[in-house]
N, C-alpha and C. Protein backbone atom coordinates (compact mmCIF):
# COMPACT_ATOMS: atom_id res chain seq x y z
N MET A 1 -27.82 10.94 98.23
CA MET A 1 -28.07 12.06 97.59
C MET A 1 -29.04 13.05 98.11
N GLN A 2 -30.25 12.51 98.36
CA GLN A 2 -31.54 13.37 98.93
C GLN A 2 -31.00 13.91 100.18
N ASP A 3 -30.17 13.50 100.99
CA ASP A 3 -29.81 14.15 102.17
C ASP A 3 -28.94 15.39 102.07
N SER A 4 -28.04 15.42 100.96
CA SER A 4 -27.10 16.51 100.90
C SER A 4 -27.50 17.39 99.73
N TRP A 5 -28.45 17.08 98.84
CA TRP A 5 -29.04 17.98 97.66
C TRP A 5 -30.43 18.27 97.87
N VAL A 6 -30.96 19.25 97.38
CA VAL A 6 -32.29 19.66 97.56
C VAL A 6 -32.96 19.79 96.25
N LYS A 7 -34.48 19.42 96.23
CA LYS A 7 -35.20 19.41 95.05
C LYS A 7 -35.69 20.87 94.64
N VAL A 8 -35.36 21.29 93.56
CA VAL A 8 -35.79 22.64 93.21
C VAL A 8 -36.93 22.60 92.10
N TYR A 9 -37.10 21.42 91.25
CA TYR A 9 -38.04 21.53 90.12
C TYR A 9 -38.29 19.91 90.03
N SER A 10 -39.66 19.68 89.71
CA SER A 10 -40.19 18.47 89.30
C SER A 10 -41.32 18.78 87.97
N THR A 11 -41.15 17.60 87.14
CA THR A 11 -41.92 17.55 85.91
C THR A 11 -42.26 16.21 85.56
N LEU A 12 -43.24 16.11 84.63
CA LEU A 12 -43.87 14.78 84.10
C LEU A 12 -42.84 14.45 83.06
N PHE A 13 -42.18 15.43 82.34
CA PHE A 13 -41.25 15.30 81.13
C PHE A 13 -39.95 15.26 81.39
N LEU A 14 -39.14 14.26 80.98
CA LEU A 14 -37.79 14.04 81.25
C LEU A 14 -36.91 15.20 80.46
N ALA A 15 -37.49 15.35 79.18
CA ALA A 15 -36.81 16.16 78.29
C ALA A 15 -36.78 17.66 78.90
N GLN A 16 -37.96 18.11 79.44
CA GLN A 16 -38.08 19.45 80.15
C GLN A 16 -37.15 19.49 81.34
N ALA A 17 -37.05 18.55 82.05
CA ALA A 17 -35.90 18.55 83.21
C ALA A 17 -34.73 18.70 82.73
N GLU A 18 -34.30 17.99 81.61
CA GLU A 18 -32.84 17.94 81.06
C GLU A 18 -32.49 19.43 80.45
N ILE A 19 -33.47 19.99 79.76
CA ILE A 19 -33.18 21.25 79.43
C ILE A 19 -33.08 22.35 80.46
N LYS A 20 -34.01 22.39 81.57
CA LYS A 20 -33.70 23.24 82.74
C LYS A 20 -32.48 23.05 83.64
N LYS A 21 -31.95 21.58 83.48
CA LYS A 21 -30.65 21.36 84.12
C LYS A 21 -29.58 21.83 83.38
N ALA A 22 -29.72 21.80 81.99
CA ALA A 22 -28.72 22.43 81.28
C ALA A 22 -28.41 23.97 81.53
N MET A 23 -29.70 24.55 81.74
CA MET A 23 -29.79 26.05 81.64
C MET A 23 -29.04 26.24 83.15
N LEU A 24 -29.46 25.66 84.06
CA LEU A 24 -28.54 25.76 85.57
C LEU A 24 -27.29 25.51 85.35
N ILE A 25 -26.76 24.61 84.64
CA ILE A 25 -25.22 24.33 84.56
C ILE A 25 -24.74 25.62 84.00
N GLU A 26 -25.15 25.98 82.82
CA GLU A 26 -24.77 27.25 82.13
C GLU A 26 -24.55 28.22 82.85
N ASN A 27 -25.55 28.34 84.11
CA ASN A 27 -25.19 29.51 84.89
C ASN A 27 -24.52 29.18 86.26
N ASP A 28 -23.71 28.18 85.90
CA ASP A 28 -22.80 27.58 87.05
C ASP A 28 -23.51 27.19 88.38
N VAL A 29 -24.51 26.43 88.15
CA VAL A 29 -25.35 25.94 89.26
C VAL A 29 -25.30 24.62 88.81
N ASP A 30 -24.38 23.67 89.70
CA ASP A 30 -24.38 22.19 89.51
C ASP A 30 -25.86 21.62 89.81
N ALA A 31 -26.19 20.88 88.88
CA ALA A 31 -27.46 20.41 88.90
C ALA A 31 -27.57 18.86 88.52
N VAL A 32 -28.50 18.09 89.00
CA VAL A 32 -28.69 16.75 88.43
C VAL A 32 -30.05 16.28 88.29
N VAL A 33 -30.49 15.51 87.38
CA VAL A 33 -31.98 15.10 87.25
C VAL A 33 -32.06 13.67 87.75
N LEU A 34 -32.88 13.45 88.45
CA LEU A 34 -33.45 12.13 89.06
C LEU A 34 -34.46 11.67 88.43
N ASN A 35 -34.67 10.75 87.64
CA ASN A 35 -35.52 10.19 86.83
C ASN A 35 -36.37 9.15 87.63
N LYS A 36 -37.48 9.76 88.20
CA LYS A 36 -38.44 8.82 88.75
C LYS A 36 -39.47 8.49 87.98
N LEU A 37 -39.49 8.53 86.69
CA LEU A 37 -40.68 8.02 85.75
C LEU A 37 -40.71 6.43 85.64
N ASP A 38 -41.88 5.88 85.74
CA ASP A 38 -42.04 4.49 85.65
C ASP A 38 -41.50 4.04 84.22
N SER A 39 -40.89 3.11 84.09
CA SER A 39 -40.19 2.75 82.79
C SER A 39 -41.26 2.23 81.91
N SER A 40 -42.36 1.60 82.36
CA SER A 40 -43.44 0.87 81.39
C SER A 40 -44.62 2.06 81.23
N TYR A 41 -44.86 2.89 82.29
CA TYR A 41 -46.01 3.87 82.21
C TYR A 41 -45.49 5.12 82.29
N LEU A 42 -45.16 5.98 81.41
CA LEU A 42 -44.52 7.18 81.43
C LEU A 42 -45.45 8.26 82.26
N ALA A 43 -46.53 8.04 82.50
CA ALA A 43 -47.61 8.71 82.94
C ALA A 43 -47.63 8.94 84.54
N PHE A 44 -46.64 7.84 85.12
CA PHE A 44 -46.45 7.69 86.55
C PHE A 44 -45.14 8.17 87.02
N GLY A 45 -44.75 9.12 87.94
CA GLY A 45 -43.56 9.50 88.35
C GLY A 45 -43.28 10.82 87.76
N GLN A 46 -42.01 11.26 88.24
CA GLN A 46 -41.59 12.55 87.69
C GLN A 46 -40.21 12.56 87.69
N ALA A 47 -39.71 13.57 86.90
CA ALA A 47 -38.24 13.82 86.83
C ALA A 47 -38.01 14.95 87.70
N GLU A 48 -36.95 14.88 88.58
CA GLU A 48 -36.65 15.91 89.52
C GLU A 48 -35.46 16.39 89.41
N ILE A 49 -35.16 17.77 89.56
CA ILE A 49 -33.83 18.41 89.51
C ILE A 49 -33.49 18.57 91.10
N TYR A 50 -32.15 18.43 91.16
CA TYR A 50 -31.80 18.62 92.62
C TYR A 50 -30.34 19.37 92.48
N VAL A 51 -30.10 20.32 93.54
CA VAL A 51 -29.18 21.05 93.46
C VAL A 51 -28.37 21.11 94.94
N HIS A 52 -27.35 21.64 95.09
CA HIS A 52 -26.53 21.64 96.38
C HIS A 52 -27.19 22.81 97.13
N PRO A 53 -27.44 22.50 98.37
CA PRO A 53 -28.14 23.46 99.19
C PRO A 53 -27.65 24.98 99.11
N SER A 54 -26.45 24.98 98.80
CA SER A 54 -25.77 26.41 98.78
C SER A 54 -26.15 27.05 97.46
N ASN A 55 -26.77 26.35 96.53
CA ASN A 55 -27.03 26.98 95.27
C ASN A 55 -28.63 27.00 95.08
N GLU A 56 -29.32 26.47 96.05
CA GLU A 56 -30.75 26.40 96.18
C GLU A 56 -31.61 27.73 95.80
N GLN A 57 -31.07 28.95 96.60
CA GLN A 57 -31.82 30.10 96.11
C GLN A 57 -31.60 30.63 94.66
N GLU A 58 -30.34 30.50 94.27
CA GLU A 58 -29.99 30.95 93.00
C GLU A 58 -30.64 30.15 91.97
N ALA A 59 -30.77 28.58 92.12
CA ALA A 59 -31.45 27.93 91.32
C ALA A 59 -33.01 28.26 91.24
N LYS A 60 -33.54 28.40 92.28
CA LYS A 60 -34.92 28.78 92.01
C LYS A 60 -35.23 30.05 91.44
N ARG A 61 -34.21 31.12 91.57
CA ARG A 61 -34.28 32.51 91.12
C ARG A 61 -34.39 32.22 89.45
N LEU A 62 -33.20 31.48 89.11
CA LEU A 62 -33.23 31.16 87.51
C LEU A 62 -34.38 30.33 86.96
N LEU A 63 -34.78 29.46 87.65
CA LEU A 63 -35.95 28.79 87.19
C LEU A 63 -37.16 29.57 87.13
N GLU A 64 -37.48 30.27 88.10
CA GLU A 64 -38.51 31.31 88.24
C GLU A 64 -38.44 32.40 87.08
N THR A 65 -37.25 32.86 86.73
CA THR A 65 -36.99 33.96 85.70
C THR A 65 -37.29 33.25 84.42
N GLU A 66 -36.69 31.91 84.13
CA GLU A 66 -37.05 31.37 82.74
C GLU A 66 -38.54 31.05 82.72
N LEU A 67 -39.24 30.77 83.75
CA LEU A 67 -40.65 30.58 83.72
C LEU A 67 -41.43 31.86 83.46
N ASP A 68 -41.06 32.92 83.76
CA ASP A 68 -41.41 34.26 83.62
C ASP A 68 -41.57 34.57 81.77
N THR A 69 -40.29 34.22 81.40
CA THR A 69 -39.91 34.34 79.95
C THR A 69 -40.59 33.62 79.06
N ASP A 70 -41.03 32.43 79.49
CA ASP A 70 -41.65 31.42 78.82
C ASP A 70 -43.11 31.73 78.47
N GLU A 71 -43.71 32.52 79.15
CA GLU A 71 -45.24 32.91 79.00
C GLU A 71 -45.51 33.95 77.93
């Protein structure tokens, strides 16, 4: 998967990644969350969002726009 998809976002919070993935999907950008959080100690690892390379710029724009409105 990592060869054909690109990472556009990462966070320590799985729920936050799932919310952002849902936002991308609502905007017609296919996205998946890869949970790399340690199952015993949730302070280690990250949840990462990956998209197809053809959607990378649009995904980054949407995520940036959402971050601007969160502040």
